[in-house]
N, C-alpha and C. Protein backbone atom coordinates (compact mmCIF):
# COMPACT_ATOMS: atom_id res chain seq x y z
N MET A 1 109.82 111.11 101.28
CA MET A 1 108.61 110.43 101.73
C MET A 1 107.40 111.26 101.31
N LYS A 2 106.38 110.60 100.86
CA LYS A 2 105.16 111.28 100.42
C LYS A 2 104.42 111.86 101.62
N ASP A 3 103.72 112.97 101.36
CA ASP A 3 102.82 113.49 102.40
C ASP A 3 101.69 112.50 102.58
N HIS A 4 101.27 112.31 103.81
CA HIS A 4 100.17 111.40 104.07
C HIS A 4 99.35 111.93 105.23
N TYR A 5 98.17 111.42 105.33
CA TYR A 5 97.25 111.80 106.40
C TYR A 5 97.38 110.78 107.52
N ALA A 6 97.70 111.24 108.70
CA ALA A 6 97.77 110.35 109.86
C ALA A 6 96.42 110.38 110.58
N MET A 7 95.98 109.22 111.01
CA MET A 7 94.71 109.12 111.74
C MET A 7 94.86 109.75 113.11
N ARG A 8 93.76 110.31 113.58
CA ARG A 8 93.71 110.82 114.95
C ARG A 8 93.10 109.74 115.83
N GLY A 9 93.51 109.73 117.09
CA GLY A 9 93.01 108.74 118.02
C GLY A 9 91.51 108.77 118.18
N ASP A 10 90.94 109.99 118.21
CA ASP A 10 89.48 110.09 118.40
C ASP A 10 88.73 109.52 117.20
N GLU A 11 89.31 109.61 116.01
CA GLU A 11 88.68 109.02 114.82
C GLU A 11 88.64 107.50 114.93
N LEU A 12 89.72 106.91 115.38
CA LEU A 12 89.75 105.46 115.55
C LEU A 12 88.80 105.01 116.65
N LYS A 13 88.76 105.76 117.75
CA LYS A 13 87.86 105.41 118.86
C LYS A 13 86.41 105.40 118.39
N GLU A 14 86.03 106.37 117.57
CA GLU A 14 84.66 106.41 117.04
C GLU A 14 84.33 105.14 116.26
N LEU A 15 85.28 104.66 115.48
CA LEU A 15 85.05 103.44 114.71
C LEU A 15 84.94 102.21 115.61
N LEU A 16 85.66 102.21 116.72
CA LEU A 16 85.64 101.06 117.63
C LEU A 16 84.36 100.95 118.45
N VAL A 17 83.72 102.07 118.74
CA VAL A 17 82.54 102.03 119.61
C VAL A 17 81.22 101.97 118.84
N ARG A 18 81.28 101.98 117.52
CA ARG A 18 80.04 101.89 116.74
C ARG A 18 79.32 100.59 117.03
N LYS A 19 78.01 100.67 117.03
CA LYS A 19 77.17 99.48 117.24
C LYS A 19 76.31 99.30 116.00
N PRO A 20 76.36 98.16 115.34
CA PRO A 20 77.28 97.06 115.62
C PRO A 20 78.69 97.42 115.13
N PHE A 21 79.67 96.77 115.73
CA PHE A 21 81.06 96.97 115.32
C PHE A 21 81.27 96.42 113.92
N VAL A 22 81.97 97.19 113.09
CA VAL A 22 82.33 96.75 111.74
C VAL A 22 83.83 96.47 111.73
N PRO A 23 84.26 95.26 111.37
CA PRO A 23 85.69 94.95 111.33
C PRO A 23 86.45 95.95 110.45
N LEU A 24 87.70 96.21 110.81
CA LEU A 24 88.50 97.23 110.16
C LEU A 24 89.84 96.67 109.69
N ARG A 25 90.41 97.32 108.69
CA ARG A 25 91.79 97.05 108.27
C ARG A 25 92.56 98.36 108.37
N LEU A 26 93.62 98.36 109.18
CA LEU A 26 94.48 99.52 109.33
C LEU A 26 95.62 99.41 108.33
N HIS A 27 95.86 100.49 107.57
CA HIS A 27 96.95 100.56 106.60
C HIS A 27 98.03 101.47 107.18
N MET A 28 99.26 100.96 107.21
CA MET A 28 100.38 101.69 107.79
C MET A 28 101.24 102.31 106.68
N THR A 29 102.10 103.26 107.07
CA THR A 29 102.94 103.95 106.10
C THR A 29 103.87 103.01 105.34
N ASP A 30 104.27 101.90 105.95
CA ASP A 30 105.19 100.97 105.28
C ASP A 30 104.47 99.91 104.44
N GLY A 31 103.14 100.03 104.34
CA GLY A 31 102.37 99.08 103.54
C GLY A 31 101.80 97.92 104.34
N THR A 32 102.21 97.78 105.59
CA THR A 32 101.67 96.73 106.45
C THR A 32 100.20 96.99 106.72
N THR A 33 99.41 95.92 106.81
CA THR A 33 98.00 96.06 107.19
C THR A 33 97.73 95.19 108.41
N PHE A 34 96.77 95.63 109.22
CA PHE A 34 96.32 94.88 110.38
C PHE A 34 94.80 94.80 110.34
N ASP A 35 94.26 93.59 110.41
CA ASP A 35 92.81 93.41 110.46
C ASP A 35 92.36 93.39 111.91
N ILE A 36 91.37 94.23 112.21
CA ILE A 36 90.80 94.32 113.55
C ILE A 36 89.40 93.73 113.46
N ARG A 37 89.24 92.50 113.94
CA ARG A 37 87.96 91.80 113.84
C ARG A 37 87.10 91.96 115.08
N HIS A 38 87.67 92.49 116.15
CA HIS A 38 86.92 92.73 117.39
C HIS A 38 87.48 94.01 118.02
N PRO A 39 86.62 94.87 118.56
CA PRO A 39 87.11 96.14 119.10
C PRO A 39 88.11 95.98 120.25
N ASP A 40 88.08 94.86 120.94
CA ASP A 40 89.03 94.64 122.03
C ASP A 40 90.46 94.39 121.53
N ASN A 41 90.62 94.19 120.23
CA ASN A 41 91.95 93.92 119.68
C ASN A 41 92.71 95.18 119.28
N LEU A 42 92.15 96.35 119.59
CA LEU A 42 92.83 97.61 119.30
C LEU A 42 92.65 98.54 120.49
N ILE A 43 93.76 98.98 121.04
CA ILE A 43 93.73 99.96 122.14
C ILE A 43 94.31 101.25 121.60
N VAL A 44 93.53 102.33 121.71
CA VAL A 44 93.95 103.63 121.22
C VAL A 44 94.46 104.46 122.38
N LEU A 45 95.71 104.89 122.28
CA LEU A 45 96.34 105.76 123.28
C LEU A 45 96.54 107.14 122.66
N LYS A 46 97.13 108.06 123.40
CA LYS A 46 97.32 109.42 122.90
C LYS A 46 98.10 109.48 121.59
N SER A 47 99.20 108.77 121.53
CA SER A 47 100.05 108.89 120.36
C SER A 47 100.32 107.57 119.64
N ARG A 48 99.71 106.48 120.12
CA ARG A 48 99.94 105.19 119.47
C ARG A 48 98.71 104.31 119.59
N VAL A 49 98.75 103.22 118.84
CA VAL A 49 97.74 102.17 118.95
C VAL A 49 98.46 100.87 119.28
N ASP A 50 97.85 100.08 120.15
CA ASP A 50 98.35 98.75 120.48
C ASP A 50 97.41 97.76 119.79
N ILE A 51 97.96 96.94 118.91
CA ILE A 51 97.17 96.06 118.06
C ILE A 51 97.42 94.61 118.45
N GLY A 52 96.35 93.92 118.82
CA GLY A 52 96.43 92.49 119.12
C GLY A 52 96.54 91.72 117.82
N VAL A 53 97.59 90.91 117.68
CA VAL A 53 97.86 90.18 116.44
C VAL A 53 97.86 88.69 116.73
N GLY A 54 97.37 87.91 115.78
CA GLY A 54 97.36 86.46 115.95
C GLY A 54 96.31 86.02 116.95
N VAL A 55 95.10 86.55 116.81
CA VAL A 55 94.01 86.24 117.74
C VAL A 55 93.42 84.88 117.40
N ASP A 56 93.31 84.01 118.41
CA ASP A 56 92.74 82.68 118.16
C ASP A 56 91.22 82.70 118.34
N ALA A 57 90.58 81.56 118.16
CA ALA A 57 89.11 81.45 118.22
C ALA A 57 88.55 81.86 119.57
N ARG A 58 89.35 81.76 120.63
CA ARG A 58 88.89 82.15 121.97
C ARG A 58 89.11 83.63 122.24
N GLY A 59 89.74 84.33 121.29
CA GLY A 59 90.01 85.75 121.47
C GLY A 59 91.33 86.04 122.16
N VAL A 60 92.18 85.01 122.30
CA VAL A 60 93.48 85.18 122.95
C VAL A 60 94.49 85.69 121.91
N VAL A 61 95.19 86.76 122.27
CA VAL A 61 96.15 87.41 121.38
C VAL A 61 97.52 86.74 121.49
N ASP A 62 98.16 86.51 120.33
CA ASP A 62 99.49 85.91 120.30
C ASP A 62 100.57 86.93 120.66
N ARG A 63 100.43 88.14 120.11
CA ARG A 63 101.41 89.20 120.39
C ARG A 63 100.75 90.56 120.17
N VAL A 64 101.45 91.61 120.57
CA VAL A 64 100.95 92.97 120.42
C VAL A 64 101.94 93.78 119.60
N GLU A 65 101.42 94.51 118.62
CA GLU A 65 102.23 95.45 117.84
C GLU A 65 101.92 96.85 118.37
N TYR A 66 102.96 97.62 118.64
CA TYR A 66 102.82 98.99 119.12
C TYR A 66 103.16 99.92 117.96
N CYS A 67 102.18 100.71 117.51
CA CYS A 67 102.37 101.55 116.33
C CYS A 67 102.00 102.99 116.63
N SER A 68 102.82 103.90 116.16
CA SER A 68 102.52 105.32 116.29
C SER A 68 101.30 105.65 115.45
N LEU A 69 100.43 106.51 115.97
CA LEU A 69 99.27 106.95 115.19
C LEU A 69 99.71 107.64 113.91
N LEU A 70 100.90 108.24 113.91
CA LEU A 70 101.41 108.91 112.71
C LEU A 70 101.56 107.94 111.54
N HIS A 71 101.68 106.66 111.83
CA HIS A 71 101.88 105.67 110.77
C HIS A 71 100.59 105.00 110.29
N VAL A 72 99.47 105.32 110.92
CA VAL A 72 98.17 104.80 110.45
C VAL A 72 97.66 105.79 109.42
N VAL A 73 97.71 105.40 108.14
CA VAL A 73 97.37 106.34 107.07
C VAL A 73 95.97 106.13 106.49
N ARG A 74 95.41 104.96 106.73
CA ARG A 74 94.07 104.70 106.17
C ARG A 74 93.42 103.58 106.96
N VAL A 75 92.10 103.67 107.07
CA VAL A 75 91.31 102.61 107.70
C VAL A 75 90.24 102.19 106.71
N GLU A 76 90.15 100.90 106.50
CA GLU A 76 89.19 100.33 105.56
C GLU A 76 88.20 99.47 106.34
N GLU A 77 86.92 99.62 106.03
CA GLU A 77 85.91 98.75 106.65
C GLU A 77 85.90 97.41 105.93
N LEU A 78 85.90 96.34 106.70
CA LEU A 78 85.81 94.99 106.14
C LEU A 78 84.38 94.49 106.28
N GLN A 79 83.99 93.59 105.42
CA GLN A 79 82.67 92.99 105.55
C GLN A 79 82.65 92.09 106.76
N SER A 80 81.56 92.13 107.50
CA SER A 80 81.42 91.21 108.62
C SER A 80 81.06 89.83 108.08
N ALA A 81 81.22 88.82 108.91
CA ALA A 81 80.90 87.45 108.50
C ALA A 81 79.45 87.32 108.07
N SER A 82 78.53 87.99 108.77
CA SER A 82 77.11 87.90 108.43
C SER A 82 76.83 88.56 107.09
N ALA A 83 77.54 89.65 106.76
CA ALA A 83 77.33 90.31 105.48
C ALA A 83 77.85 89.45 104.34
N GLU A 84 78.92 88.69 104.58
CA GLU A 84 79.48 87.83 103.54
C GLU A 84 78.56 86.67 103.21
N LEU A 85 77.71 86.27 104.14
CA LEU A 85 76.79 85.16 103.90
C LEU A 85 75.61 85.58 103.04
N ASN A 86 75.33 86.86 102.95
CA ASN A 86 74.17 87.34 102.17
C ASN A 86 74.49 87.46 100.71
């Protein structure tokens, strides 16, 4: 397995509390990605993140993925809807 950089919880928390919030894409060690379009859809714990998946228009989550922070290798900022309109 290749060496990789695992995200720290405090780094993710900083991204979640920024004003205005910028949507994020989490990249995992297995190549899976998760788009975080609202800060309430990601809960950062000491050693893992709980990711709300399948969020509907009302903000209701279909299911939760529990992922070790060790497997979050990269975070990408996504364009917000307002930025895409410009």
